[in-house]
């Protein structure tokens, strides 16, 4: 059974950077597409970024495009989300999710994913 665990969250000032990691255990990530989602208090879960199993296809929410970069290292069974130029509105709990489907038509929809981590908090504040 695949399990994913997020790490790398924290408190950062506006304009700063963080790198989130999504580490998998119980199975190899080679065949799984991965998505990053976030949820702020009182708001719906939002798809942030997606990467196909082979790393060829990526997608980003408009609000993070040009600032966030998703990547994967299948040898380390880990997916990363590099977040630059962070804004207060990026504050949320961030979750990674996995699906055995290697490529998704819409990787930013949470219903497409089967395995979820517990989340890591990102707070952007001065």
Foldseek 3Di string as FASTA:
>chain_A
DKAWAKDWADEAAQQAKIKMKIAIPPDQLLQKKKWKWWDAPPDDIWTAKIAFSPRPDMDGDPVQPPFWDWGDDRVRRMIMIIGGRDDQVVWTWMKMFIDSHRDDPDRTDPVRGDYIYPTDTHGYHD
